[in-house]
Amino acid sequence: MSGKRVDDFVAFRQRMNARILEQDNQVVRRFFALDTQTYKDGVLPAKTKEMLGLAASMVLRCDDCIAYHVAECHKVGVTREEFFEIFSVGLVVGGSIVIPHLRRAVDFLDELEAEEPKA
């Protein structure tokens, strides 16, 4: 796998976030800052918060959110086994309508794992 989907997603997200944040809108800026602060270590570690974000994104069926949280979970060391437990929570809570999003999440995870250096 080339990781093209991952690269395209990251590039688009960075480009559009920069465009959005260059506007003089305090509500948007504060919401983005709140989102950033929410996923930092606190009483719950960042890893747990990212896992929660992924499960919630699956239930809400937001592919961009799912891709973002899959990438962030991957960065903080979520294992494949942990991913599939998160996916099962999302599937049970969200129902069968989550299945297409689960497919895309696993595809995105496969691309991230394919980019890892081989030991």
PDB file of N, CA and C in Angstrom:
ATOM      1  N   MET A   1       0.831  -1.189   0.000  1.00  0.00           N
ATOM      2  CA  MET A   1       0.000   0.000   0.000  1.00  0.00           C
ATOM      3  C   MET A   1       0.873   1.250   0.000  1.00  0.00           C
ATOM      4  N   SER A   2       0.409   2.233  -0.678  1.00  0.00           N
ATOM      5  CA  SER A   2       1.192   3.460  -0.811  1.00  0.00           C
ATOM      6  C   SER A   2       0.982   4.414   0.347  1.00  0.00           C
ATOM      7  N   GLY A   3      -0.085   4.275   1.077  1.00  0.00           N
ATOM      8  CA  GLY A   3      -0.396   5.230   2.123  1.00  0.00           C
ATOM      9  C   GLY A   3      -0.976   6.519   1.571  1.00  0.00           C
ATOM     10  N   LYS A   4      -1.396   6.489   0.296  1.00  0.00           N
ATOM     11  CA  LYS A   4      -1.921   7.689  -0.358  1.00  0.00           C
ATOM     12  C   LYS A   4      -3.126   8.251   0.386  1.00  0.00           C
ATOM     13  N   ARG A   5      -4.014   7.387   0.804  1.00  0.00           N
ATOM     14  CA  ARG A   5      -5.195   7.867   1.529  1.00  0.00           C
ATOM     15  C   ARG A   5      -4.786   8.595   2.805  1.00  0.00           C
ATOM     16  N   VAL A   6      -3.839   8.032   3.522  1.00  0.00           N
ATOM     17  CA  VAL A   6      -3.360   8.663   4.756  1.00  0.00           C
ATOM     18  C   VAL A   6      -2.715  10.002   4.429  1.00  0.00           C
ATOM     19  N   ASP A   7      -1.810  10.007   3.445  1.00  0.00           N
ATOM     20  CA  ASP A   7      -1.128  11.251   3.064  1.00  0.00           C
ATOM     21  C   ASP A   7      -2.121  12.314   2.606  1.00  0.00           C
ATOM     22  N   ASP A   8      -3.080  11.915   1.768  1.00  0.00           N
ATOM     23  CA  ASP A   8      -4.085  12.863   1.274  1.00  0.00           C
ATOM     24  C   ASP A   8      -4.924  13.432   2.417  1.00  0.00           C
ATOM     25  N   PHE A   9      -5.319  12.568   3.345  1.00  0.00           N
ATOM     26  CA  PHE A   9      -6.133  13.003   4.476  1.00  0.00           C
ATOM     27  C   PHE A   9      -5.375  14.014   5.333  1.00  0.00           C
ATOM     28  N   VAL A  10      -4.138  13.692   5.668  1.00  0.00           N
ATOM     29  CA  VAL A  10      -3.336  14.568   6.524  1.00  0.00           C
ATOM     30  C   VAL A  10      -3.092  15.907   5.833  1.00  0.00           C
ATOM     31  N   ALA A  11      -2.734  15.876   4.560  1.00  0.00           N
ATOM     32  CA  ALA A  11      -2.456  17.117   3.822  1.00  0.00           C
ATOM     33  C   ALA A  11      -3.697  17.998   3.730  1.00  0.00           C
ATOM     34  N   PHE A  12      -4.840  17.393   3.405  1.00  0.00           N
ATOM     35  CA  PHE A  12      -6.087  18.156   3.298  1.00  0.00           C
ATOM     36  C   PHE A  12      -6.466  18.762   4.655  1.00  0.00           C
ATOM     37  N   ARG A  13      -6.378  17.970   5.700  1.00  0.00           N
ATOM     38  CA  ARG A  13      -6.745  18.438   7.031  1.00  0.00           C
ATOM     39  C   ARG A  13      -5.863  19.610   7.449  1.00  0.00           C
ATOM     40  N   GLN A  14      -4.553  19.485   7.257  1.00  0.00           N
ATOM     41  CA  GLN A  14      -3.640  20.562   7.631  1.00  0.00           C
ATOM     42  C   GLN A  14      -3.904  21.828   6.819  1.00  0.00           C
ATOM     43  N   ARG A  15      -4.086  21.649   5.515  1.00  0.00           N
ATOM     44  CA  ARG A  15      -4.324  22.805   4.645  1.00  0.00           C
ATOM     45  C   ARG A  15      -5.614  23.521   5.022  1.00  0.00           C
ATOM     46  N   MET A  16      -6.677  22.780   5.218  1.00  0.00           N
ATOM     47  CA  MET A  16      -7.959  23.402   5.511  1.00  0.00           C
ATOM     48  C   MET A  16      -8.013  23.980   6.923  1.00  0.00           C
ATOM     49  N   ASN A  17      -7.379  23.317   7.886  1.00  0.00           N
ATOM     50  CA  ASN A  17      -7.315  23.895   9.232  1.00  0.00           C
ATOM     51  C   ASN A  17      -6.600  25.234   9.204  1.00  0.00           C
ATOM     52  N   ALA A  18      -5.511  25.316   8.447  1.00  0.00           N
ATOM     53  CA  ALA A  18      -4.787  26.591   8.327  1.00  0.00           C
ATOM     54  C   ALA A  18      -5.676  27.660   7.705  1.00  0.00           C
ATOM     55  N   ARG A  19      -6.407  27.310   6.670  1.00  0.00           N
ATOM     56  CA  ARG A  19      -7.319  28.263   6.014  1.00  0.00           C
ATOM     57  C   ARG A  19      -8.403  28.733   6.978  1.00  0.00           C
ATOM     58  N   ILE A  20      -8.958  27.805   7.708  1.00  0.00           N
ATOM     59  CA  ILE A  20     -10.032  28.137   8.647  1.00  0.00           C
ATOM     60  C   ILE A  20      -9.505  29.031   9.769  1.00  0.00           C
ATOM     61  N   LEU A  21      -8.353  28.684  10.317  1.00  0.00           N
ATOM     62  CA  LEU A  21      -7.819  29.426  11.460  1.00  0.00           C
ATOM     63  C   LEU A  21      -7.213  30.769  11.082  1.00  0.00           C
ATOM     64  N   GLU A  22      -7.003  31.021   9.795  1.00  0.00           N
ATOM     65  CA  GLU A  22      -6.497  32.342   9.399  1.00  0.00           C
ATOM     66  C   GLU A  22      -7.605  33.400   9.435  1.00  0.00           C
ATOM     67  N   GLN A  23      -8.835  32.954   9.557  1.00  0.00           N
ATOM     68  CA  GLN A  23      -9.955  33.893   9.658  1.00  0.00           C
ATOM     69  C   GLN A  23     -10.027  34.459  11.071  1.00  0.00           C
ATOM     70  N   ASP A  24     -10.520  35.664  11.188  1.00  0.00           N
ATOM     71  CA  ASP A  24     -10.622  36.316  12.481  1.00  0.00           C
ATOM     72  C   ASP A  24     -11.983  35.989  13.108  1.00  0.00           C
ATOM     73  N   ASN A  25     -12.116  34.741  13.581  1.00  0.00           N
ATOM     74  CA  ASN A  25     -13.371  34.300  14.167  1.00  0.00           C
ATOM     75  C   ASN A  25     -13.059  33.615  15.493  1.00  0.00           C
ATOM     76  N   GLN A  26     -13.368  34.274  16.583  1.00  0.00           N
ATOM     77  CA  GLN A  26     -13.034  33.763  17.905  1.00  0.00           C
ATOM     78  C   GLN A  26     -13.769  32.472  18.260  1.00  0.00           C
ATOM     79  N   VAL A  27     -14.998  32.330  17.804  1.00  0.00           N
ATOM     80  CA  VAL A  27     -15.758  31.114  18.118  1.00  0.00           C
ATOM     81  C   VAL A  27     -15.062  29.901  17.513  1.00  0.00           C
ATOM     82  N   VAL A  28     -14.700  30.000  16.241  1.00  0.00           N
ATOM     83  CA  VAL A  28     -14.021  28.886  15.569  1.00  0.00           C
ATOM     84  C   VAL A  28     -12.675  28.610  16.239  1.00  0.00           C
ATOM     85  N   ARG A  29     -11.912  29.648  16.487  1.00  0.00           N
ATOM     86  CA  ARG A  29     -10.596  29.474  17.122  1.00  0.00           C
ATOM     87  C   ARG A  29     -10.727  28.829  18.504  1.00  0.00           C
ATOM     88  N   ARG A  30     -11.687  29.276  19.264  1.00  0.00           N
ATOM     89  CA  ARG A  30     -11.873  28.721  20.614  1.00  0.00           C
ATOM     90  C   ARG A  30     -12.332  27.268  20.562  1.00  0.00           C
ATOM     91  N   PHE A  31     -13.193  26.943  19.600  1.00  0.00           N
ATOM     92  CA  PHE A  31     -13.632  25.560  19.483  1.00  0.00           C
ATOM     93  C   PHE A  31     -12.450  24.656  19.119  1.00  0.00           C
ATOM     94  N   PHE A  32     -11.626  25.084  18.165  1.00  0.00           N
ATOM     95  CA  PHE A  32     -10.446  24.302  17.788  1.00  0.00           C
ATOM     96  C   PHE A  32      -9.519  24.136  18.996  1.00  0.00           C
ATOM     97  N   ALA A  33      -9.336  25.208  19.775  1.00  0.00           N
ATOM     98  CA  ALA A  33      -8.480  25.138  20.962  1.00  0.00           C
ATOM     99  C   ALA A  33      -9.073  24.194  22.008  1.00  0.00           C
ATOM    100  N   LEU A  34     -10.372  24.247  22.187  1.00  0.00           N
ATOM    101  CA  LEU A  34     -11.047  23.355  23.131  1.00  0.00           C
ATOM    102  C   LEU A  34     -10.860  21.898  22.718  1.00  0.00           C
ATOM    103  N   ASP A  35     -11.007  21.635  21.432  1.00  0.00           N
ATOM    104  CA  ASP A  35     -10.810  20.280  20.922  1.00  0.00           C
ATOM    105  C   ASP A  35      -9.387  19.799  21.205  1.00  0.00           C
ATOM    106  N   THR A  36      -8.411  20.654  20.950  1.00  0.00           N
ATOM    107  CA  THR A  36      -7.010  20.299  21.211  1.00  0.00           C
ATOM    108  C   THR A  36      -6.788  20.014  22.688  1.00  0.00           C
ATOM    109  N   GLN A  37      -7.311  20.863  23.554  1.00  0.00           N
ATOM    110  CA  GLN A  37      -7.135  20.695  24.995  1.00  0.00           C
ATOM    111  C   GLN A  37      -7.815  19.430  25.516  1.00  0.00           C
ATOM    112  N   THR A  38      -8.954  19.094  24.938  1.00  0.00           N
ATOM    113  CA  THR A  38      -9.729  17.947  25.404  1.00  0.00           C
ATOM    114  C   THR A  38      -8.944  16.644  25.314  1.00  0.00           C
ATOM    115  N   TYR A  39      -8.133  16.499  24.278  1.00  0.00           N
ATOM    116  CA  TYR A  39      -7.445  15.231  24.038  1.00  0.00           C
ATOM    117  C   TYR A  39      -6.056  15.163  24.660  1.00  0.00           C
ATOM    118  N   LYS A  40      -5.680  16.144  25.479  1.00  0.00           N
ATOM    119  CA  LYS A  40      -4.409  16.092  26.191  1.00  0.00           C
ATOM    120  C   LYS A  40      -4.551  15.242  27.449  1.00  0.00           C
ATOM    121  N   ASP A  41      -3.404  14.789  27.970  1.00  0.00           N
ATOM    122  CA  ASP A  41      -3.418  14.040  29.232  1.00  0.00           C
ATOM    123  C   ASP A  41      -4.090  14.854  30.324  1.00  0.00           C
ATOM    124  N   GLY A  42      -4.899  14.191  31.093  1.00  0.00           N
ATOM    125  CA  GLY A  42      -5.554  14.781  32.254  1.00  0.00           C
ATOM    126  C   GLY A  42      -5.743  13.660  33.252  1.00  0.00           C
ATOM    127  N   VAL A  43      -6.875  13.641  33.924  1.00  0.00           N
ATOM    128  CA  VAL A  43      -7.183  12.513  34.790  1.00  0.00           C
ATOM    129  C   VAL A  43      -7.197  11.243  33.942  1.00  0.00           C
ATOM    130  N   LEU A  44      -7.770  11.368  32.742  1.00  0.00           N
ATOM    131  CA  LEU A  44      -7.680  10.277  31.766  1.00  0.00           C
ATOM    132  C   LEU A  44      -6.486  10.551  30.863  1.00  0.00           C
ATOM    133  N   PRO A  45      -5.685   9.525  30.573  1.00  0.00           N
ATOM    134  CA  PRO A  45      -4.559   9.737  29.672  1.00  0.00           C
ATOM    135  C   PRO A  45      -5.041  10.003  28.239  1.00  0.00           C
ATOM    136  N   ALA A  46      -4.198  10.671  27.456  1.00  0.00           N
ATOM    137  CA  ALA A  46      -4.516  10.999  26.063  1.00  0.00           C
ATOM    138  C   ALA A  46      -4.916   9.742  25.279  1.00  0.00           C
ATOM    139  N   LYS A  47      -4.256   8.637  25.534  1.00  0.00           N
ATOM    140  CA  LYS A  47      -4.576   7.386  24.819  1.00  0.00           C
ATOM    141  C   LYS A  47      -6.035   7.003  25.043  1.00  0.00           C
ATOM    142  N   THR A  48      -6.483   7.059  26.276  1.00  0.00           N
ATOM    143  CA  THR A  48      -7.876   6.714  26.590  1.00  0.00           C
ATOM    144  C   THR A  48      -8.834   7.686  25.910  1.00  0.00           C
ATOM    145  N   LYS A  49      -8.500   8.963  25.943  1.00  0.00           N
ATOM    146  CA  LYS A  49      -9.357   9.970  25.320  1.00  0.00           C
ATOM    147  C   LYS A  49      -9.453   9.760  23.813  1.00  0.00           C
ATOM    148  N   GLU A  50      -8.350   9.412  23.168  1.00  0.00           N
ATOM    149  CA  GLU A  50      -8.388   9.141  21.729  1.00  0.00           C
ATOM    150  C   GLU A  50      -9.233   7.906  21.428  1.00  0.00           C
ATOM    151  N   MET A  51      -9.135   6.905  22.286  1.00  0.00           N
ATOM    152  CA  MET A  51      -9.950   5.702  22.110  1.00  0.00           C
ATOM    153  C   MET A  51     -11.439   6.037  22.252  1.00  0.00           C
ATOM    154  N   LEU A  52     -11.770   6.888  23.211  1.00  0.00           N
ATOM    155  CA  LEU A  52     -13.150   7.332  23.383  1.00  0.00           C
ATOM    156  C   LEU A  52     -13.610   8.127  22.159  1.00  0.00           C
ATOM    157  N   GLY A  53     -12.737   8.996  21.675  1.00  0.00           N
ATOM    158  CA  GLY A  53     -13.054   9.787  20.482  1.00  0.00           C
ATOM    159  C   GLY A  53     -13.315   8.903  19.280  1.00  0.00           C
ATOM    160  N   LEU A  54     -12.536   7.835  19.137  1.00  0.00           N
ATOM    161  CA  LEU A  54     -12.726   6.912  18.021  1.00  0.00           C
ATOM    162  C   LEU A  54     -14.068   6.185  18.136  1.00  0.00           C
ATOM    163  N   ALA A  55     -14.389   5.680  19.307  1.00  0.00           N
ATOM    164  CA  ALA A  55     -15.672   4.992  19.484  1.00  0.00           C
ATOM    165  C   ALA A  55     -16.839   5.934  19.212  1.00  0.00           C
ATOM    166  N   ALA A  56     -16.761   7.153  19.736  1.00  0.00           N
ATOM    167  CA  ALA A  56     -17.833   8.127  19.510  1.00  0.00           C
ATOM    168  C   ALA A  56     -17.947   8.486  18.030  1.00  0.00           C
ATOM    169  N   SER A  57     -16.824   8.645  17.359  1.00  0.00           N
ATOM    170  CA  SER A  57     -16.834   8.992  15.932  1.00  0.00           C
ATOM    171  C   SER A  57     -17.452   7.882  15.096  1.00  0.00           C
ATOM    172  N   MET A  58     -17.211   6.633  15.503  1.00  0.00           N
ATOM    173  CA  MET A  58     -17.825   5.511  14.784  1.00  0.00           C
ATOM    174  C   MET A  58     -19.342   5.548  14.927  1.00  0.00           C
ATOM    175  N   VAL A  59     -19.800   5.789  16.152  1.00  0.00           N
ATOM    176  CA  VAL A  59     -21.243   5.841  16.392  1.00  0.00           C
ATOM    177  C   VAL A  59     -21.875   6.998  15.616  1.00  0.00           C
ATOM    178  N   LEU A  60     -21.157   8.118  15.541  1.00  0.00           N
ATOM    179  CA  LEU A  60     -21.663   9.283  14.797  1.00  0.00           C
ATOM    180  C   LEU A  60     -21.478   9.132  13.284  1.00  0.00           C
ATOM    181  N   ARG A  61     -20.709   8.134  12.882  1.00  0.00           N
ATOM    182  CA  ARG A  61     -20.475   7.800  11.469  1.00  0.00           C
ATOM    183  C   ARG A  61     -19.802   8.943  10.702  1.00  0.00           C
ATOM    184  N   CYS A  62     -18.797   9.521  11.327  1.00  0.00           N
ATOM    185  CA  CYS A  62     -18.032  10.608  10.703  1.00  0.00           C
ATOM    186  C   CYS A  62     -16.695  10.043  10.222  1.00  0.00           C
ATOM    187  N   ASP A  63     -16.584   9.781   8.912  1.00  0.00           N
ATOM    188  CA  ASP A  63     -15.367   9.168   8.387  1.00  0.00           C
ATOM    189  C   ASP A  63     -14.115  10.004   8.625  1.00  0.00           C
ATOM    190  N   ASP A  64     -14.213  11.326   8.488  1.00  0.00           N
ATOM    191  CA  ASP A  64     -13.044  12.167   8.757  1.00  0.00           C
ATOM    192  C   ASP A  64     -12.630  12.052  10.226  1.00  0.00           C
ATOM    193  N   CYS A  65     -13.596  12.065  11.108  1.00  0.00           N
ATOM    194  CA  CYS A  65     -13.304  11.945  12.541  1.00  0.00           C
ATOM    195  C   CYS A  65     -12.708  10.569  12.849  1.00  0.00           C
ATOM    196  N   ILE A  66     -13.264   9.544  12.238  1.00  0.00           N
ATOM    197  CA  ILE A  66     -12.751   8.187  12.437  1.00  0.00           C
ATOM    198  C   ILE A  66     -11.301   8.113  11.978  1.00  0.00           C
ATOM    199  N   ALA A  67     -11.016   8.615  10.777  1.00  0.00           N
ATOM    200  CA  ALA A  67      -9.645   8.578  10.256  1.00  0.00           C
ATOM    201  C   ALA A  67      -8.701   9.341  11.187  1.00  0.00           C
ATOM    202  N   TYR A  68      -9.129  10.515  11.622  1.00  0.00           N
ATOM    203  CA  TYR A  68      -8.291  11.311  12.526  1.00  0.00           C
ATOM    204  C   TYR A  68      -7.990  10.536  13.807  1.00  0.00           C
ATOM    205  N   HIS A  69      -9.012   9.962  14.430  1.00  0.00           N
ATOM    206  CA  HIS A  69      -8.798   9.261  15.694  1.00  0.00           C
ATOM    207  C   HIS A  69      -8.062   7.946  15.510  1.00  0.00           C
ATOM    208  N   VAL A  70      -8.242   7.275  14.378  1.00  0.00           N
ATOM    209  CA  VAL A  70      -7.431   6.082  14.102  1.00  0.00           C
ATOM    210  C   VAL A  70      -5.959   6.488  14.052  1.00  0.00           C
ATOM    211  N   ALA A  71      -5.654   7.572  13.333  1.00  0.00           N
ATOM    212  CA  ALA A  71      -4.267   8.039  13.238  1.00  0.00           C
ATOM    213  C   ALA A  71      -3.726   8.444  14.604  1.00  0.00           C
ATOM    214  N   GLU A  72      -4.519   9.174  15.375  1.00  0.00           N
ATOM    215  CA  GLU A  72      -4.061   9.614  16.701  1.00  0.00           C
ATOM    216  C   GLU A  72      -3.897   8.423  17.644  1.00  0.00           C
ATOM    217  N   CYS A  73      -4.826   7.480  17.595  1.00  0.00           N
ATOM    218  CA  CYS A  73      -4.695   6.269  18.420  1.00  0.00           C
ATOM    219  C   CYS A  73      -3.428   5.507  18.042  1.00  0.00           C
ATOM    220  N   HIS A  74      -3.174   5.409  16.753  1.00  0.00           N
ATOM    221  CA  HIS A  74      -1.979   4.724  16.269  1.00  0.00           C
ATOM    222  C   HIS A  74      -0.729   5.418  16.814  1.00  0.00           C
ATOM    223  N   LYS A  75      -0.729   6.762  16.795  1.00  0.00           N
ATOM    224  CA  LYS A  75       0.423   7.532  17.294  1.00  0.00           C
ATOM    225  C   LYS A  75       0.693   7.273  18.772  1.00  0.00           C
ATOM    226  N   VAL A  76      -0.379   7.119  19.560  1.00  0.00           N
ATOM    227  CA  VAL A  76      -0.196   6.949  21.007  1.00  0.00           C
ATOM    228  C   VAL A  76      -0.071   5.482  21.417  1.00  0.00           C
ATOM    229  N   GLY A  77       0.054   4.606  20.428  1.00  0.00           N
ATOM    230  CA  GLY A  77       0.388   3.216  20.731  1.00  0.00           C
ATOM    231  C   GLY A  77      -0.764   2.251  20.911  1.00  0.00           C
ATOM    232  N   VAL A  78      -1.936   2.599  20.429  1.00  0.00           N
ATOM    233  CA  VAL A  78      -3.052   1.646  20.501  1.00  0.00           C
ATOM    234  C   VAL A  78      -2.695   0.441  19.626  1.00  0.00           C
ATOM    235  N   THR A  79      -2.834  -0.741  20.196  1.00  0.00           N
ATOM    236  CA  THR A  79      -2.497  -1.965  19.460  1.00  0.00           C
ATOM    237  C   THR A  79      -3.662  -2.385  18.566  1.00  0.00           C
ATOM    238  N   ARG A  80      -3.384  -3.257  17.631  1.00  0.00           N
ATOM    239  CA  ARG A  80      -4.436  -3.758  16.744  1.00  0.00           C
ATOM    240  C   ARG A  80      -5.556  -4.424  17.558  1.00  0.00           C
ATOM    241  N   GLU A  81      -5.170  -5.159  18.583  1.00  0.00           N
ATOM    242  CA  GLU A  81      -6.170  -5.810  19.438  1.00  0.00           C
ATOM    243  C   GLU A  81      -7.035  -4.771  20.141  1.00  0.00           C
ATOM    244  N   GLU A  82      -6.424  -3.701  20.624  1.00  0.00           N
ATOM    245  CA  GLU A  82      -7.190  -2.624  21.257  1.00  0.00           C
ATOM    246  C   GLU A  82      -8.103  -1.939  20.237  1.00  0.00           C
ATOM    247  N   PHE A  83      -7.583  -1.707  19.014  1.00  0.00           N
ATOM    248  CA  PHE A  83      -8.420  -1.114  17.965  1.00  0.00           C
ATOM    249  C   PHE A  83      -9.688  -1.936  17.770  1.00  0.00           C
ATOM    250  N   PHE A  84      -9.546  -3.246  17.692  1.00  0.00           N
ATOM    251  CA  PHE A  84     -10.727  -4.064  17.425  1.00  0.00           C
ATOM    252  C   PHE A  84     -11.687  -4.097  18.610  1.00  0.00           C
ATOM    253  N   GLU A  85     -11.200  -3.884  19.823  1.00  0.00           N
ATOM    254  CA  GLU A  85     -12.122  -3.733  20.953  1.00  0.00           C
ATOM    255  C   GLU A  85     -12.864  -2.406  20.850  1.00  0.00           C
ATOM    256  N   ILE A  86     -12.161  -1.342  20.452  1.00  0.00           N
ATOM    257  CA  ILE A  86     -12.814  -0.042  20.242  1.00  0.00           C
ATOM    258  C   ILE A  86     -13.854  -0.173  19.136  1.00  0.00           C
ATOM    259  N   PHE A  87     -13.459  -0.823  18.032  1.00  0.00           N
ATOM    260  CA  PHE A  87     -14.388  -1.012  16.916  1.00  0.00           C
ATOM    261  C   PHE A  87     -15.630  -1.781  17.367  1.00  0.00           C
ATOM    262  N   SER A  88     -15.446  -2.789  18.232  1.00  0.00           N
ATOM    263  CA  SER A  88     -16.612  -3.553  18.670  1.00  0.00           C
ATOM    264  C   SER A  88     -17.542  -2.728  19.540  1.00  0.00           C
ATOM    265  N   VAL A  89     -16.998  -1.824  20.355  1.00  0.00           N
ATOM    266  CA  VAL A  89     -17.846  -0.929  21.142  1.00  0.00           C
ATOM    267  C   VAL A  89     -18.645  -0.026  20.196  1.00  0.00           C
ATOM    268  N   GLY A  90     -17.968   0.575  19.236  1.00  0.00           N
ATOM    269  CA  GLY A  90     -18.653   1.430  18.268  1.00  0.00           C
ATOM    270  C   GLY A  90     -19.734   0.698  17.506  1.00  0.00           C
ATOM    271  N   LEU A  91     -19.441  -0.540  17.133  1.00  0.00           N
ATOM    272  CA  LEU A  91     -20.400  -1.344  16.382  1.00  0.00           C
ATOM    273  C   LEU A  91     -21.616  -1.712  17.239  1.00  0.00           C
ATOM    274  N   VAL A  92     -21.386  -2.115  18.473  1.00  0.00           N
ATOM    275  CA  VAL A  92     -22.497  -2.494  19.345  1.00  0.00           C
ATOM    276  C   VAL A  92     -23.371  -1.284  19.674  1.00  0.00           C
ATOM    277  N   VAL A  93     -22.740  -0.154  19.963  1.00  0.00           N
ATOM    278  CA  VAL A  93     -23.510   1.043  20.303  1.00  0.00           C
ATOM    279  C   VAL A  93     -24.212   1.605  19.070  1.00  0.00           C
ATOM    280  N   GLY A  94     -23.515   1.633  17.943  1.00  0.00           N
ATOM    281  CA  GLY A  94     -24.061   2.257  16.731  1.00  0.00           C
ATOM    282  C   GLY A  94     -24.903   1.353  15.867  1.00  0.00           C
ATOM    283  N   GLY A  95     -24.728   0.051  15.987  1.00  0.00           N
ATOM    284  CA  GLY A  95     -25.494  -0.892  15.179  1.00  0.00           C
ATOM    285  C   GLY A  95     -24.866  -1.161  13.818  1.00  0.00           C
ATOM    286  N   SER A  96     -25.587  -1.934  13.029  1.00  0.00           N
ATOM    287  CA  SER A  96     -25.044  -2.400  11.755  1.00  0.00           C
ATOM    288  C   SER A  96     -24.747  -1.272  10.765  1.00  0.00           C
ATOM    289  N   ILE A  97     -25.354  -0.112  10.951  1.00  0.00           N
ATOM    290  CA  ILE A  97     -25.083   1.011  10.056  1.00  0.00           C
ATOM    291  C   ILE A  97     -23.631   1.483  10.176  1.00  0.00           C
ATOM    292  N   VAL A  98     -22.936   1.080  11.235  1.00  0.00           N
ATOM    293  CA  VAL A  98     -21.537   1.438  11.449  1.00  0.00           C
ATOM    294  C   VAL A  98     -20.599   0.575  10.582  1.00  0.00           C
ATOM    295  N   ILE A  99     -21.069  -0.551  10.076  1.00  0.00           N
ATOM    296  CA  ILE A  99     -20.201  -1.485   9.351  1.00  0.00           C
ATOM    297  C   ILE A  99     -19.432  -0.829   8.199  1.00  0.00           C
ATOM    298  N   PRO A 100     -20.053  -0.021   7.326  1.00  0.00           N
ATOM    299  CA  PRO A 100     -19.254   0.605   6.262  1.00  0.00           C
ATOM    300  C   PRO A 100     -18.128   1.498   6.810  1.00  0.00           C
ATOM    301  N   HIS A 101     -18.370   2.137   7.932  1.00  0.00           N
ATOM    302  CA  HIS A 101     -17.367   2.995   8.553  1.00  0.00           C
ATOM    303  C   HIS A 101     -16.272   2.153   9.199  1.00  0.00           C
ATOM    304  N   LEU A 102     -16.652   1.009   9.718  1.00  0.00           N
ATOM    305  CA  LEU A 102     -15.682   0.056  10.259  1.00  0.00           C
ATOM    306  C   LEU A 102     -14.746  -0.412   9.147  1.00  0.00           C
ATOM    307  N   ARG A 103     -15.297  -0.704   7.986  1.00  0.00           N
ATOM    308  CA  ARG A 103     -14.454  -1.122   6.850  1.00  0.00           C
ATOM    309  C   ARG A 103     -13.418  -0.048   6.517  1.00  0.00           C
ATOM    310  N   ARG A 104     -13.880   1.197   6.430  1.00  0.00           N
ATOM    311  CA  ARG A 104     -12.953   2.287   6.092  1.00  0.00           C
ATOM    312  C   ARG A 104     -11.929   2.509   7.212  1.00  0.00           C
ATOM    313  N   ALA A 105     -12.355   2.335   8.453  1.00  0.00           N
ATOM    314  CA  ALA A 105     -11.425   2.490   9.584  1.00  0.00           C
ATOM    315  C   ALA A 105     -10.322   1.439   9.522  1.00  0.00           C
ATOM    316  N   VAL A 106     -10.689   0.203   9.246  1.00  0.00           N
ATOM    317  CA  VAL A 106      -9.696  -0.873   9.161  1.00  0.00           C
ATOM    318  C   VAL A 106      -8.778  -0.646   7.965  1.00  0.00           C
ATOM    319  N   ASP A 107      -9.327  -0.187   6.853  1.00  0.00           N
ATOM    320  CA  ASP A 107      -8.503   0.122   5.683  1.00  0.00           C
ATOM    321  C   ASP A 107      -7.492   1.216   6.011  1.00  0.00           C
ATOM    322  N   PHE A 108      -7.939   2.255   6.715  1.00  0.00           N
ATOM    323  CA  PHE A 108      -7.051   3.355   7.117  1.00  0.00           C
ATOM    324  C   PHE A 108      -5.969   2.838   8.062  1.00  0.00           C
ATOM    325  N   LEU A 109      -6.359   2.010   9.027  1.00  0.00           N
ATOM    326  CA  LEU A 109      -5.404   1.417   9.961  1.00  0.00           C
ATOM    327  C   LEU A 109      -4.389   0.551   9.210  1.00  0.00           C
ATOM    328  N   ASP A 110      -4.854  -0.242   8.258  1.00  0.00           N
ATOM    329  CA  ASP A 110      -3.942  -1.070   7.455  1.00  0.00           C
ATOM    330  C   ASP A 110      -2.898  -0.209   6.762  1.00  0.00           C
ATOM    331  N   GLU A 111      -3.311   0.938   6.217  1.00  0.00           N
ATOM    332  CA  GLU A 111      -2.363   1.837   5.556  1.00  0.00           C
ATOM    333  C   GLU A 111      -1.357   2.407   6.556  1.00  0.00           C
ATOM    334  N   LEU A 112      -1.829   2.792   7.722  1.00  0.00           N
ATOM    335  CA  LEU A 112      -0.906   3.308   8.747  1.00  0.00           C
ATOM    336  C   LEU A 112       0.110   2.241   9.142  1.00  0.00           C
ATOM    337  N   GLU A 113      -0.356   1.036   9.340  1.00  0.00           N
ATOM    338  CA  GLU A 113       0.546  -0.046   9.741  1.00  0.00           C
ATOM    339  C   GLU A 113       1.517  -0.411   8.618  1.00  0.00           C
ATOM    340  N   ALA A 114       1.085  -0.292   7.374  1.00  0.00           N
ATOM    341  CA  ALA A 114       1.959  -0.591   6.237  1.00  0.00           C
ATOM    342  C   ALA A 114       3.098   0.418   6.129  1.00  0.00           C
ATOM    343  N   GLU A 115       2.896   1.629   6.649  1.00  0.00           N
ATOM    344  CA  GLU A 115       3.918   2.671   6.600  1.00  0.00           C
ATOM    345  C   GLU A 115       4.981   2.498   7.673  1.00  0.00           C
ATOM    346  N   GLU A 116       4.699   1.648   8.672  1.00  0.00           N
ATOM    347  CA  GLU A 116       5.650   1.461   9.761  1.00  0.00           C
ATOM    348  C   GLU A 116       6.909   0.762   9.249  1.00  0.00           C
ATOM    349  N   PRO A 117       8.062   1.181   9.758  1.00  0.00           N
ATOM    350  CA  PRO A 117       9.295   0.501   9.349  1.00  0.00           C
ATOM    351  C   PRO A 117       9.282  -0.964   9.811  1.00  0.00           C
ATOM    352  N   LYS A 118       9.762  -1.804   8.967  1.00  0.00           N
ATOM    353  CA  LYS A 118       9.816  -3.238   9.300  1.00  0.00           C
ATOM    354  C   LYS A 118      11.008  -3.500  10.218  1.00  0.00           C
ATOM    355  N   ALA A 119      10.789  -4.303  11.241  1.00  0.00           N
ATOM    356  CA  ALA A 119      11.860  -4.591  12.223  1.00  0.00           C
ATOM    357  C   ALA A 119      12.820  -5.631  11.705  1.00  0.00           C
TER     358      ALA A 119
END
